[in-house]
Protein backbone atom coordinates (compact mmCIF):
# COMPACT_ATOMS: atom_id res chain seq x y z
CA MET A 1 109.32 53.43 190.35
CA ALA A 2 110.37 50.02 189.10
CA LEU A 3 108.75 48.46 186.08
CA ALA A 4 106.85 45.26 186.77
CA SER A 5 108.41 42.10 185.45
CA HIS A 6 106.57 39.67 183.19
CA LYS A 7 105.71 37.61 186.25
CA ASP A 8 103.49 40.44 187.52
CA TYR A 9 101.01 40.27 184.58
CA GLY A 10 97.47 39.25 185.51
CA SER A 11 96.64 35.65 185.91
CA ALA A 12 95.32 33.38 183.20
CA SER A 13 91.80 33.98 184.43
CA ASN A 14 91.89 37.43 182.86
CA TYR A 15 92.46 36.12 179.31
CA PRO A 16 88.87 35.08 178.61
CA ARG A 17 87.67 38.57 179.44
CA ALA A 18 90.26 40.19 177.08
CA LEU A 19 89.43 37.74 174.30
CA SER A 20 85.71 38.44 174.59
CA SER A 21 86.36 42.19 174.47
CA ILE A 22 88.31 41.77 171.22
CA ILE A 23 85.56 39.66 169.67
CA ILE A 24 82.90 42.23 170.61
CA SER A 25 85.01 45.10 169.21
CA VAL A 26 85.57 43.28 165.91
CA GLY A 27 81.87 42.51 165.66
CA LEU A 28 80.88 46.14 166.28
CA LEU A 29 83.44 47.31 163.69
CA ALA A 30 82.02 44.87 161.11
CA VAL A 31 78.49 46.11 161.77
CA PHE A 32 79.64 49.73 161.42
CA ILE A 33 81.46 49.06 158.12
CA THR A 34 78.44 47.20 156.74
CA LEU A 35 76.08 49.98 157.76
CA ALA A 36 78.37 52.71 156.36
CA SER A 37 78.74 50.87 153.05
CA TRP A 38 74.98 50.54 152.73
CA ILE A 39 74.52 54.27 153.38
CA LEU A 40 77.19 55.24 150.82
CA LEU A 41 75.68 52.98 148.17
CA SER A 42 72.16 54.22 148.82
CA PHE A 43 72.97 57.94 149.18
CA PRO A 44 76.06 58.93 147.10
CA VAL A 45 78.15 61.52 148.84
CA GLY A 46 79.25 63.08 145.54
CA THR A 47 75.76 64.23 144.75
CA VAL A 48 75.27 65.79 148.18
CA VAL A 49 78.62 67.55 148.06
CA ARG A 50 78.05 68.90 144.55
CA SER A 51 74.59 70.09 145.59
CA TYR A 52 76.08 71.93 148.55
CA PHE A 53 78.80 73.72 146.56
CA TYR A 54 77.12 74.16 143.18
CA GLY A 55 73.45 74.30 144.04
CA VAL A 56 72.78 71.50 141.50
CA ASP A 57 72.51 67.75 141.86
CA GLN A 58 71.42 64.94 139.63
CA THR A 59 67.79 65.14 140.68
CA SER A 60 67.23 68.89 140.56
CA ASP A 61 66.34 71.24 137.72
CA LEU A 62 69.19 72.34 135.45
CA GLY A 63 67.45 75.44 134.16
CA LEU A 64 69.13 78.80 133.72
CA SER A 65 69.92 80.63 136.94
CA VAL A 66 71.81 83.64 138.22
CA SER A 67 74.06 83.47 141.26
CA LEU A 68 73.20 85.81 144.11
CA GLY A 69 76.11 86.65 146.32
CA GLY A 70 75.68 87.06 150.05
CA LEU A 71 72.73 84.68 150.32
CA ASN A 72 74.58 81.69 151.74
CA GLY A 73 75.34 80.43 148.30
CA SER A 74 71.71 80.25 147.27
CA GLN A 75 70.78 80.68 143.62
CA VAL A 76 67.76 81.77 141.70
CA ARG A 77 66.82 78.89 139.49
CA GLY A 78 65.61 79.15 135.93
CA GLU A 79 62.42 77.61 134.64
CA ASP A 80 62.32 74.44 132.59
CA LYS A 81 63.23 74.65 128.94
CA THR A 82 60.16 74.72 126.75
CA ASP A 83 59.83 72.58 123.66
CA PHE A 84 59.12 74.62 120.56
CA SER A 85 55.73 72.95 120.23
CA ASP A 86 54.75 74.26 123.66
CA ILE A 87 55.27 77.93 122.82
CA ASP A 88 52.12 80.06 122.65
CA LEU A 89 52.34 82.80 120.05
CA ALA A 90 51.19 86.22 121.16
CA LYS A 91 47.78 87.40 119.96
CA SER A 92 48.73 91.05 119.78
CA GLU A 93 50.95 92.92 117.36
CA GLY A 94 54.71 92.94 117.83
CA THR A 95 56.83 90.51 119.77
CA THR A 96 57.84 90.01 123.35
CA GLU A 97 61.12 88.79 124.75
CA LYS A 98 61.69 85.07 124.62
CA ASP A 99 62.22 82.68 127.47
CA GLN A 100 62.87 79.22 126.13
CA ASN A 101 63.44 77.95 129.64
CA GLN A 102 60.05 78.86 131.04
CA LYS A 103 57.31 76.22 131.11
CA GLN A 104 55.65 77.51 134.25
CA ASN A 105 54.14 80.99 134.68
CA ASP A 106 54.55 81.07 138.44
CA GLY A 107 58.37 80.85 138.30
CA GLY A 108 60.53 78.19 139.83
CA SER A 109 61.17 74.65 138.65
CA LYS A 110 58.48 71.99 138.78
CA ASN A 111 60.59 69.09 137.58
CA GLN A 112 60.14 65.76 139.28
CA PRO A 113 63.21 63.98 140.66
CA GLY A 114 65.13 62.21 137.97
CA GLU A 115 64.26 64.61 135.17
CA ASP A 116 67.77 66.05 135.16
CA ASN A 117 69.33 62.76 134.28
CA GLN A 118 66.86 62.38 131.46
CA ASN A 119 67.67 65.88 130.22
CA GLN A 120 71.38 65.20 130.37
CA ASN A 121 71.00 61.96 128.46
CA ALA A 122 68.80 63.70 125.93
CA GLU A 123 71.40 66.40 125.31
CA ILE A 124 74.18 63.86 124.92
CA SER A 125 72.04 61.78 122.60
CA LYS A 126 71.48 64.85 120.41
CA ASP A 127 75.22 65.27 119.95
CA GLN A 128 75.53 61.56 119.29
CA ARG A 129 72.68 61.77 116.81
CA VAL A 130 74.53 64.44 114.81
CA GLU A 131 77.69 62.32 114.83
CA ASP A 132 75.77 59.20 113.78
CA ILE A 133 74.02 61.03 110.95
CA GLN A 134 77.28 62.55 109.77
CA ASN A 135 79.13 59.23 109.86
CA LYS A 136 76.31 57.43 108.07
CA ASN A 137 76.18 60.11 105.40
CA VAL A 138 79.93 60.03 104.89
CA GLU A 139 79.94 56.22 104.56
CA GLY A 140 77.13 56.39 102.05
CA SER A 141 79.01 58.92 99.96
CA GLN A 142 82.24 56.95 99.65
CA ASN A 143 80.97 55.17 96.57
CA GLN A 144 80.29 58.45 94.78
CA ASN A 145 82.93 60.18 92.66
CA ALA A 146 84.15 63.69 93.50
CA GLU A 147 82.15 65.35 90.76
CA GLY A 148 78.90 63.76 91.82
CA SER A 149 79.39 64.49 95.48
CA GLN A 150 78.29 68.11 95.25
CA LYS A 151 74.54 67.93 95.04
CA GLU A 152 72.09 70.63 94.15
CA VAL A 153 70.97 72.45 97.29
CA PRO A 154 67.28 71.67 97.91
CA SER A 155 64.77 74.43 98.08
CA GLY A 156 63.53 73.21 101.41
CA ASP A 157 59.91 72.91 100.27
CA ASP A 158 59.74 69.31 101.36
CA THR A 159 61.29 69.90 104.76
CA MET A 160 60.39 73.40 105.89
CA PRO A 161 56.65 73.86 106.59
CA ARG A 162 55.33 77.13 105.22
CA GLU A 163 53.33 79.22 107.62
CA GLN A 164 51.20 82.29 107.03
CA ALA A 165 53.40 85.11 105.72
CA THR A 166 54.65 87.57 108.27
CA ASN A 167 56.44 90.89 108.22
CA ASN A 168 58.06 90.54 111.61
CA THR A 169 61.49 92.05 111.63
CA LEU A 170 63.16 90.62 114.67
CA PRO A 171 65.36 87.57 114.35
CA THR A 172 67.66 85.63 116.74
CA GLU A 173 70.25 82.84 116.54
CA ILE A 174 70.79 79.33 118.06
CA PRO A 175 73.45 76.77 119.18
CA VAL A 176 73.69 73.25 117.79
CA GLU A 177 74.22 70.66 120.39
CA GLN A 178 71.01 71.52 122.25
CA ALA A 179 68.62 71.82 119.39
CA THR A 180 65.89 69.29 118.80
CA ASN A 181 65.26 67.58 115.52
CA ASN A 182 61.54 67.08 115.86
CA THR A 183 60.29 70.53 116.65
CA GLN A 184 56.91 71.62 115.39
CA PRO A 185 56.52 74.68 113.18
CA MET A 186 54.84 77.82 114.40
CA GLU A 187 52.66 80.25 112.58
CA ILE A 188 52.60 84.00 112.99
CA PRO A 189 49.48 85.34 111.25
CA ARG A 190 50.24 88.08 108.72
CA GLU A 191 47.79 90.45 110.36
CA LYS A 192 49.70 90.16 113.65
CA ALA A 193 53.09 90.87 112.13
CA THR A 194 55.02 94.09 112.41
CA ASN A 195 56.47 96.17 109.59
CA ASN A 196 59.49 97.70 111.26
CA PRO A 197 62.68 97.16 109.25
CA LEU A 198 65.86 97.28 111.25
CA PRO A 199 68.36 100.12 111.00
CA MET A 200 71.74 99.58 109.38
CA ASP A 201 75.10 100.17 111.01
CA ASP A 202 77.69 100.16 108.21
CA ARG A 203 75.46 97.66 106.46
CA ASP A 204 74.42 96.58 109.94
CA SER A 205 70.86 96.18 111.04
CA PRO A 206 69.57 96.12 114.61
CA LYS A 207 66.35 94.07 114.44
CA ASP A 208 62.92 94.76 115.81
CA GLU A 209 62.05 94.19 119.43
CA LEU A 210 62.60 91.84 122.33
CA ILE A 211 60.67 93.24 125.27
CA ASN A 212 62.08 93.00 128.76
CA ASP A 213 59.84 94.20 131.55
CA ALA A 214 61.99 93.47 134.56
CA SER A 215 65.48 94.51 135.60
CA ALA A 216 67.48 92.26 137.88
CA ASP A 217 68.82 93.54 141.16
CA LEU A 218 71.66 91.08 141.38
CA LEU A 219 74.31 91.05 144.05
CA LYS A 220 77.98 90.62 143.25
CA SER A 221 79.54 87.33 144.28
CA GLU A 222 83.29 86.99 144.16
CA THR A 223 83.07 83.41 145.41
CA SER A 224 80.54 82.16 142.88
CA PRO A 225 81.00 78.52 141.85
CA GLY A 226 81.83 79.69 138.35
CA ASN A 227 84.61 82.02 139.47
CA THR A 228 87.44 79.77 138.34
CA ASP A 229 90.63 80.22 136.43
CA SER A 230 91.53 78.81 133.04
CA LYS A 231 93.00 75.64 134.49
CA GLU A 232 89.61 74.19 135.38
CA SER A 233 88.69 71.19 133.29
CA VAL A 234 85.64 70.87 131.08
CA ASP A 235 83.76 67.61 130.65
CA SER A 236 83.66 66.95 126.91
CA GLU A 237 80.06 65.75 127.20
CA CYS A 238 78.95 68.69 129.32
CA ASP A 239 75.98 70.74 128.11
CA LEU A 240 77.49 74.19 127.57
CA TYR A 241 74.26 76.12 127.06
CA HIS A 242 72.31 75.67 130.30
CA GLY A 243 73.70 77.30 133.40
CA GLU A 244 73.95 80.65 135.13
CA TRP A 245 75.55 84.07 134.88
CA PHE A 246 77.85 84.94 137.77
CA TYR A 247 79.83 88.02 138.64
CA ASP A 248 83.59 87.58 138.20
CA SER A 249 85.54 90.23 140.09
CA ALA A 250 88.59 89.53 137.91
CA GLY A 251 86.89 91.55 135.17
CA PRO A 252 87.39 91.30 131.38
CA LEU A 253 90.56 90.11 129.64
CA TYR A 254 90.96 93.37 127.71
CA THR A 255 89.72 96.95 127.78
CA ASN A 256 88.53 99.33 125.10
CA ASN A 257 91.98 100.97 125.36
CA SER A 258 93.97 97.75 124.87
CA CYS A 259 92.23 96.70 121.64
CA PRO A 260 92.50 98.88 118.51
CA VAL A 261 89.94 97.06 116.33
CA ILE A 262 86.68 97.78 118.20
CA THR A 263 84.01 99.36 115.99
CA GLN A 264 83.21 102.72 117.56
CA MET A 265 79.51 101.94 118.00
CA GLN A 266 80.42 98.96 120.23
CA ASN A 267 83.06 100.90 122.21
CA CYS A 268 80.64 101.58 125.05
CA GLN A 269 83.20 102.86 127.57
CA GLY A 270 84.82 105.06 124.93
CA ASN A 271 81.38 106.43 124.13
CA GLY A 272 80.75 107.45 127.73
CA ARG A 273 78.72 104.63 129.24
CA PRO A 274 78.97 105.26 132.98
CA ASP A 275 78.58 101.71 134.37
CA LYS A 276 80.99 98.79 133.89
CA GLU A 277 79.46 95.85 135.74
CA TYR A 278 78.14 94.34 132.49
CA GLU A 279 81.76 93.60 131.50
CA SER A 280 82.33 91.18 134.39
CA TRP A 281 79.39 88.75 134.29
CA ARG A 282 80.57 85.36 133.02
CA TRP A 283 78.76 82.22 131.96
CA LYS A 284 78.98 78.95 133.92
CA PRO A 285 77.41 75.77 132.53
CA ALA A 286 75.40 73.87 135.14
CA GLN A 287 77.49 70.71 135.01
CA CYS A 288 81.06 71.90 134.40
CA GLU A 289 83.37 74.89 134.29
CA LEU A 290 83.87 76.96 131.13
CA PRO A 291 87.44 78.30 131.35
CA ARG A 292 88.24 81.93 130.70
CA PHE A 293 89.42 82.48 127.15
CA ASN A 294 93.06 81.45 126.76
CA ALA A 295 94.61 83.16 123.73
CA THR A 296 97.77 81.04 123.84
CA LYS A 297 95.70 77.85 123.88
CA PHE A 298 93.57 79.07 120.97
CA LEU A 299 96.60 79.86 118.80
CA GLU A 300 98.16 76.51 119.63
CA LEU A 301 95.00 74.60 118.67
CA MET A 302 94.67 76.60 115.44
CA LYS A 303 98.35 76.34 114.49
CA GLY A 304 98.72 76.58 110.71
CA LYS A 305 94.94 76.93 110.27
CA THR A 306 92.40 79.56 109.18
CA LEU A 307 89.18 80.51 110.97
CA ALA A 308 86.56 82.50 109.07
CA PHE A 309 83.53 84.42 110.33
CA VAL A 310 80.78 84.66 107.72
CA GLY A 311 77.67 86.76 108.30
CA ASP A 312 76.39 90.25 109.03
CA SER A 313 77.38 93.00 111.49
CA VAL A 314 76.80 90.76 114.51
CA ALA A 315 79.30 88.31 113.01
CA ARG A 316 81.69 91.25 112.75
CA ASN A 317 80.97 91.97 116.42
CA GLN A 318 82.07 88.43 117.33
CA MET A 319 85.12 88.55 115.06
CA GLU A 320 86.34 91.79 116.65
CA SER A 321 85.84 90.26 120.10
CA LEU A 322 88.11 87.34 119.14
CA MET A 323 90.68 89.76 117.73
CA CYS A 324 90.69 91.73 120.98
CA LEU A 325 91.20 88.56 123.03
CA LEU A 326 94.08 87.39 120.83
CA TRP A 327 95.62 90.87 120.61
CA GLN A 328 96.56 90.64 124.30
CA VAL A 329 99.24 88.02 123.52
CA GLU A 330 100.28 88.92 119.97
CA THR A 331 99.84 91.81 117.53
CA PRO A 332 98.71 90.40 114.18
CA LYS A 333 99.56 91.52 110.66
CA ASN A 334 96.76 93.02 108.58
CA ARG A 335 96.58 91.12 105.29
CA GLY A 336 93.05 92.08 104.33
CA ASN A 337 91.69 93.56 101.11
CA ARG A 338 88.44 95.11 99.94
CA HIS A 339 86.83 91.67 99.63
CA MET A 340 87.61 90.32 103.09
CA GLN A 341 89.31 91.15 106.37
CA ARG A 342 92.35 89.00 107.15
CA TRP A 343 94.57 89.09 110.21
CA PHE A 344 97.67 86.89 110.46
CA PHE A 345 99.22 85.74 113.76
CA LYS A 346 102.78 84.88 112.79
CA SER A 347 103.81 82.92 115.91
CA LYS A 348 101.53 80.01 115.05
CA SER A 349 100.65 80.88 111.43
CA VAL A 350 96.99 81.43 112.31
CA MET A 351 94.72 83.45 110.01
CA ILE A 352 91.45 85.06 111.15
CA VAL A 353 89.12 86.04 108.30
CA ARG A 354 85.79 87.85 108.04
CA ILE A 355 83.53 87.78 104.98
CA TRP A 356 80.37 89.87 104.74
CA SER A 357 77.26 87.86 103.80
CA SER A 358 73.97 89.41 104.90
CA TRP A 359 71.71 86.46 104.09
CA LEU A 360 74.17 83.58 103.36
CA VAL A 361 72.40 83.01 100.02
CA HIS A 362 72.78 84.39 96.48
CA GLN A 363 71.51 87.95 96.10
CA THR A 364 70.78 90.09 93.05
CA SER A 365 69.46 93.64 92.79
CA GLU A 366 69.00 94.08 89.04
CA ALA A 367 65.55 94.51 87.54
CA SER A 368 63.92 91.27 86.40
CA GLY A 369 60.45 91.13 84.88
CA ASP A 370 58.07 92.86 87.28
CA LEU A 371 60.78 93.09 89.92
CA PRO A 372 62.42 96.53 89.94
CA SER A 373 66.07 97.28 90.55
CA GLY A 374 67.05 98.25 94.05
CA VAL A 375 64.95 95.54 95.74
CA ALA A 376 67.08 92.64 96.95
CA LYS A 377 66.17 89.35 95.29
CA LEU A 378 67.23 86.46 97.50
CA HIS A 379 67.67 83.12 95.75
CA LEU A 380 66.98 80.95 98.76
CA ASP A 381 68.10 77.72 97.06
CA VAL A 382 71.53 79.04 96.01
CA PRO A 383 74.34 79.65 98.56
CA ASP A 384 76.25 82.93 98.56
CA GLU A 385 79.10 82.44 96.12
CA VAL A 386 81.08 85.23 97.79
CA PHE A 387 82.04 83.00 100.70
CA MET A 388 81.54 79.58 99.07
CA GLN A 389 84.38 80.16 96.61
CA ASN A 390 86.78 80.46 99.56
CA ILE A 391 85.50 77.50 101.59
CA PRO A 392 88.31 75.05 100.66
CA ASN A 393 90.82 77.47 102.20
CA PHE A 394 89.18 77.46 105.64
CA ASP A 395 89.61 75.01 108.52
CA VAL A 396 86.93 76.46 110.82
CA VAL A 397 83.94 78.51 109.64
CA VAL A 398 81.60 80.33 112.04
CA LEU A 399 78.31 81.06 110.23
CA SER A 400 75.58 83.36 111.53
CA SER A 401 72.67 85.32 110.09
CA GLY A 402 69.03 86.25 110.59
CA HIS A 403 68.79 89.96 111.27
CA TRP A 404 68.77 91.07 107.64
CA PHE A 405 65.57 89.13 106.99
CA ALA A 406 63.87 92.18 108.51
CA LYS A 407 64.85 94.23 105.45
CA GLN A 408 62.92 94.76 102.23
CA SER A 409 63.48 91.80 99.95
CA VAL A 410 61.92 89.36 97.49
CA TYR A 411 62.27 85.60 97.98
CA MET A 412 63.03 83.37 94.99
CA LEU A 413 63.00 79.59 94.56
CA ASN A 414 63.90 78.07 91.20
CA ASN A 415 64.02 81.66 89.87
CA GLN A 416 60.35 82.15 90.75
CA MET A 417 59.06 84.69 93.27
CA VAL A 418 57.59 82.85 96.26
CA GLY A 419 57.42 85.60 98.89
CA THR A 420 58.27 89.18 99.83
CA GLN A 421 59.23 91.25 102.83
CA LEU A 422 58.14 94.91 103.12
CA TRP A 423 57.45 95.03 99.36
CA SER A 424 54.32 94.27 97.34
CA PRO A 425 54.36 93.25 93.66
CA PRO A 426 52.78 95.81 91.30
CA LYS A 427 50.17 93.37 90.02
CA LYS A 428 48.47 90.28 91.34
CA GLN A 429 50.76 87.28 91.42
CA GLN A 430 50.34 83.62 92.24
CA PRO A 431 49.92 82.98 95.99
CA LEU A 432 53.10 83.90 97.88
CA ASN A 433 53.62 81.40 100.68
CA ILE A 434 57.12 82.22 101.95
CA ASN A 435 57.48 84.81 104.70
CA ASN A 436 60.67 86.18 106.24
CA VAL A 437 60.74 83.48 108.94
CA ASP A 438 60.39 80.68 106.39
CA ALA A 439 63.00 82.33 104.19
CA PHE A 440 65.46 82.40 107.08
CA GLY A 441 65.01 78.68 107.71
CA ILE A 442 65.50 77.82 104.05
CA SER A 443 68.62 79.99 103.82
CA VAL A 444 70.19 78.23 106.82
CA GLU A 445 69.51 74.82 105.29
CA THR A 446 70.86 75.93 101.90
CA SER A 447 74.12 77.43 103.17
CA LEU A 448 74.86 74.57 105.59
CA THR A 449 74.01 71.92 103.00
CA ALA A 450 76.45 73.58 100.61
CA MET A 451 79.14 73.34 103.28
CA ALA A 452 78.26 69.72 104.14
CA THR A 453 78.36 68.56 100.51
CA HIS A 454 81.32 70.57 99.22
CA PRO A 455 83.79 67.97 97.85
CA ASN A 456 86.84 70.00 98.90
CA PHE A 457 85.83 71.04 102.40
CA THR A 458 86.75 68.84 105.36
CA GLY A 459 86.81 71.45 108.12
CA LEU A 460 84.57 72.38 111.04
CA THR A 461 81.43 74.48 110.51
CA ILE A 462 80.00 76.18 113.62
CA LEU A 463 76.51 77.64 113.28
CA ARG A 464 76.20 80.39 115.84
CA ALA A 465 72.62 80.68 117.02
CA TYR A 466 70.44 83.72 116.59
CA SER A 467 71.52 86.63 118.77
CA PRO A 468 68.69 88.17 120.84
CA ASP A 469 68.07 91.91 120.89
CA HIS A 470 66.44 93.74 123.78
CA TYR A 471 64.28 96.61 122.57
CA GLU A 472 61.94 97.16 125.50
CA GLY A 473 58.58 98.81 124.96
CA GLY A 474 58.70 98.81 121.17
CA ALA A 475 60.84 98.28 118.10
CA TRP A 476 64.04 100.15 117.33
CA ASN A 477 62.04 102.80 115.45
CA THR A 478 58.93 102.87 117.67
CA GLY A 479 60.40 103.77 121.06
CA GLY A 480 62.16 100.51 121.93
CA SER A 481 64.87 100.96 124.55
CA CYS A 482 67.46 99.15 126.66
CA THR A 483 68.64 102.26 128.53
CA GLY A 484 69.51 101.79 132.19
CA LYS A 485 69.98 98.01 132.12
CA VAL A 486 73.07 97.27 134.18
CA ARG A 487 72.72 93.58 135.23
CA PRO A 488 71.36 90.34 133.73
CA ILE A 489 67.64 89.65 133.93
CA LEU A 490 66.43 87.33 136.67
CA PRO A 491 65.10 84.06 135.19
CA GLY A 492 61.55 84.51 136.46
CA GLN A 493 61.32 88.00 134.99
CA LEU A 494 62.16 87.19 131.37
CA VAL A 495 59.29 87.74 128.93
CA LYS A 496 59.03 85.34 125.99
CA ASN A 497 59.72 86.68 122.53
CA ASP A 498 57.63 84.67 120.09
CA PHE A 499 59.51 85.90 117.04
CA THR A 500 62.85 84.99 118.59
CA ASN A 501 61.53 81.54 119.44
CA ILE A 502 60.30 80.77 115.94
CA MET A 503 63.48 82.09 114.31
CA HIS A 504 65.43 79.82 116.63
CA GLU A 505 63.21 76.90 115.66
CA LYS A 506 63.64 77.51 111.94
CA GLN A 507 67.40 77.77 112.33
CA VAL A 508 67.59 74.48 114.22
CA ASN A 509 65.41 72.72 111.65
CA GLY A 510 67.64 74.01 108.86
CA PHE A 511 70.71 72.77 110.69
CA TYR A 512 69.43 69.23 111.11
CA GLU A 513 68.18 69.04 107.53
CA ALA A 514 71.72 69.90 106.39
CA VAL A 515 73.18 67.24 108.69
CA LYS A 516 70.95 64.63 107.04
CA LYS A 517 72.24 65.59 103.59
CA GLN A 518 75.92 65.62 104.45
CA THR A 519 78.21 63.77 102.01
CA ASN A 520 81.71 65.04 102.84
CA ARG A 521 83.90 64.54 105.91
CA SER A 522 83.40 67.96 107.44
CA LYS A 523 81.80 68.49 110.86
CA LEU A 524 78.72 70.58 111.73
CA LYS A 525 78.28 72.01 115.23
CA LEU A 526 75.66 74.31 116.73
CA LEU A 527 76.70 77.11 119.11
CA ASP A 528 73.37 77.57 120.90
CA ILE A 529 73.76 80.98 122.56
CA THR A 530 70.18 82.20 122.10
CA GLU A 531 68.76 81.18 125.46
CA PRO A 532 71.61 82.32 127.74
CA PHE A 533 71.91 85.68 125.98
CA SER A 534 68.21 86.45 126.24
CA TYR A 535 69.07 87.38 129.85
CA ARG A 536 71.80 89.90 128.91
CA HIS A 537 69.78 93.05 128.21
CA ASP A 538 72.57 94.91 129.98
CA GLY A 539 75.18 94.09 127.33
CA HIS A 540 74.10 96.43 124.49
CA PRO A 541 75.39 99.94 123.69
CA GLY A 542 71.94 101.49 124.13
CA PRO A 543 72.28 105.26 123.60
CA TYR A 544 76.10 105.13 123.93
CA ARG A 545 76.71 104.63 120.21
CA SER A 546 79.18 107.44 119.56
CA PRO A 547 81.74 109.57 121.43
CA ASP A 548 79.71 112.73 120.73
CA PRO A 549 79.69 114.60 124.07
CA ASN A 550 76.35 116.21 123.18
CA LYS A 551 74.48 112.97 122.46
CA ILE A 552 71.17 112.40 124.22
CA THR A 553 71.29 109.47 126.63
CA LYS A 554 68.10 109.91 128.65
CA ARG A 555 64.39 110.07 127.89
CA GLY A 556 62.97 113.40 126.95
CA PRO A 557 60.19 115.29 128.78
CA ASP A 558 57.64 113.37 126.70
CA GLY A 559 59.13 110.07 127.86
CA LYS A 560 60.52 109.24 124.42
CA PRO A 561 63.86 107.37 124.62
CA PRO A 562 66.89 108.53 122.62
CA PRO A 563 68.07 106.61 119.54
CA GLN A 564 69.92 103.50 120.63
CA ASP A 565 71.37 100.14 119.67
CA CYS A 566 69.95 97.17 121.57
CA LEU A 567 71.11 94.57 119.05
CA HIS A 568 74.92 94.69 118.92
CA TRP A 569 77.08 94.02 121.98
CA CYS A 570 79.46 96.21 123.96
CA MET A 571 83.16 95.32 123.89
CA PRO A 572 84.39 94.10 126.22
CA GLY A 573 81.15 92.47 127.27
CA PRO A 574 78.92 89.40 126.93
CA VAL A 575 79.96 88.79 123.30
CA ASP A 576 83.36 87.61 124.56
CA THR A 577 81.59 84.54 125.97
CA TRP A 578 80.75 83.45 122.42
CA ASN A 579 84.44 83.02 121.74
CA GLU A 580 85.01 81.14 124.99
CA LEU A 581 82.39 78.70 123.68
CA VAL A 582 83.98 78.62 120.21
CA LEU A 583 87.33 77.78 121.81
CA GLU A 584 85.74 74.92 123.75
CA VAL A 585 84.03 73.53 120.62
CA ILE A 586 87.35 73.68 118.74
CA ARG A 587 89.18 72.06 121.66
CA ARG A 588 86.70 69.19 121.76
CA GLU A 589 87.09 68.67 118.03
CA PHE A 590 90.90 68.83 117.91
CA GLU A 591 91.71 67.23 121.27
CA GLY A 592 88.85 64.74 121.53
CA ASN A 593 87.91 63.81 125.10
CA GLN A 594 91.01 65.28 126.69
CA ASN A 595 90.57 68.00 129.28
CA PRO A 596 92.14 71.41 128.66
CA THR A 597 95.74 71.54 129.84
CA VAL A 598 95.91 75.29 130.35
């Protein structure tokens, strides 16, 4: 078949029709592009896509949630975060488990569209507020000489409202960047308080009670949005402390057999705990990915530096978790002594230190006037010299406390008795207005102010928030139990713990008061783990506290639970997340706004 020559093309009369077709096509294309542009500008695709994959967009609630696998990617959302001033204190004795997220009793979020953006901006502004206060304080101190820069630590009378004295014995800790600076104080009437001191574990003390009434029946999800590797980036302005727990089938980064420094009471698998799912739930912030802990990255960031943990047995719990994570890439040298633990990682010249400080303030036990020997006298306006004398040698300090305020003690300000805990003076004294909750708040302010005004400290101070316990149905010594908890609590089933909430409030207030008084060039950060970890009743040793094969692990015929630990954390377990967060805080400080490279 021959090809037609150019002479065979249609006549000129066909050109108008072809030209009109082209004009119509171009016009339709222009209309389509205009319409598509209008739709994209009015309804951003990014938000829809993120909502589809992550279950969160810019106009939905960012409350705590737990992923449920096998439900078409659906998630159970957490309730809104409650301001401290909105918390109703219980009218009956004892405390119940806290839920700082919950503003609604019927479960589910009631936020109006647009609230998320406001919440995000509020969180970012809090971080900015801390930076602004710190910078302003530093500028104001430049005209002072070195000797005058270390001010006397205030007693806190003018900043910490004093409520009715209480003998509650259950404290908890909080993270910085999410705390508010204008929270209202709460009162726990003395007659409603409990008198249950916490037991000690090698100078350790599990606190009172945090009651959980519901156990989550969560499904495993290997394809959860948070199931990412360590290469995922983290937005430096991302709120790390609101998100969800998801099941990560990859499991923990170490085992009880691959780490030789686990305290036996936290070696849950070595002590015969039969379930292991609690080891594999990981935390995912709502707006970004928190990478798995990267030991190589940590050592690189801390090259030539020293990190110190200062606090009680829960601080030791966190320190041992970090050691286990780092041990997987390098075996350190033990350079400790009877005053402090010290582990040296030679490859990057990194030192990890732990110093015991039960209350973070000066303590004496000698008899003084009407005060007998053997009762701890806490000088709330004087920092603990045991760790303060070493502060110039540290680059990063992780402070935590709270649980020992359940113990018998006398509170002193300006060398005068101002309050007691589980001890009554032999004769009538002047009115005692400081209870254990107030004392905790003052101690936080005192210790942090000492760090923020020390003329020779320029490092990073991280205040780890109060760590929740989960004694269900009573205190540690009145039948409280966490036996049989194998998964995180569902958001709607968490019961508020009023004592935990007020301890958290006092800790936050103390933090911000210290920020206001800062005079040196150090940095203060808050690691606000209290809310997320209120959901992890499954992460404690419970009755699996020792390898004794004859230990009792189930309730007796009378229904009484066996002795157990619902304060400390199993290793491996949820406590490892604290160090993932510490690594991210350090990365943000040392790398600025850069994303993690590994």
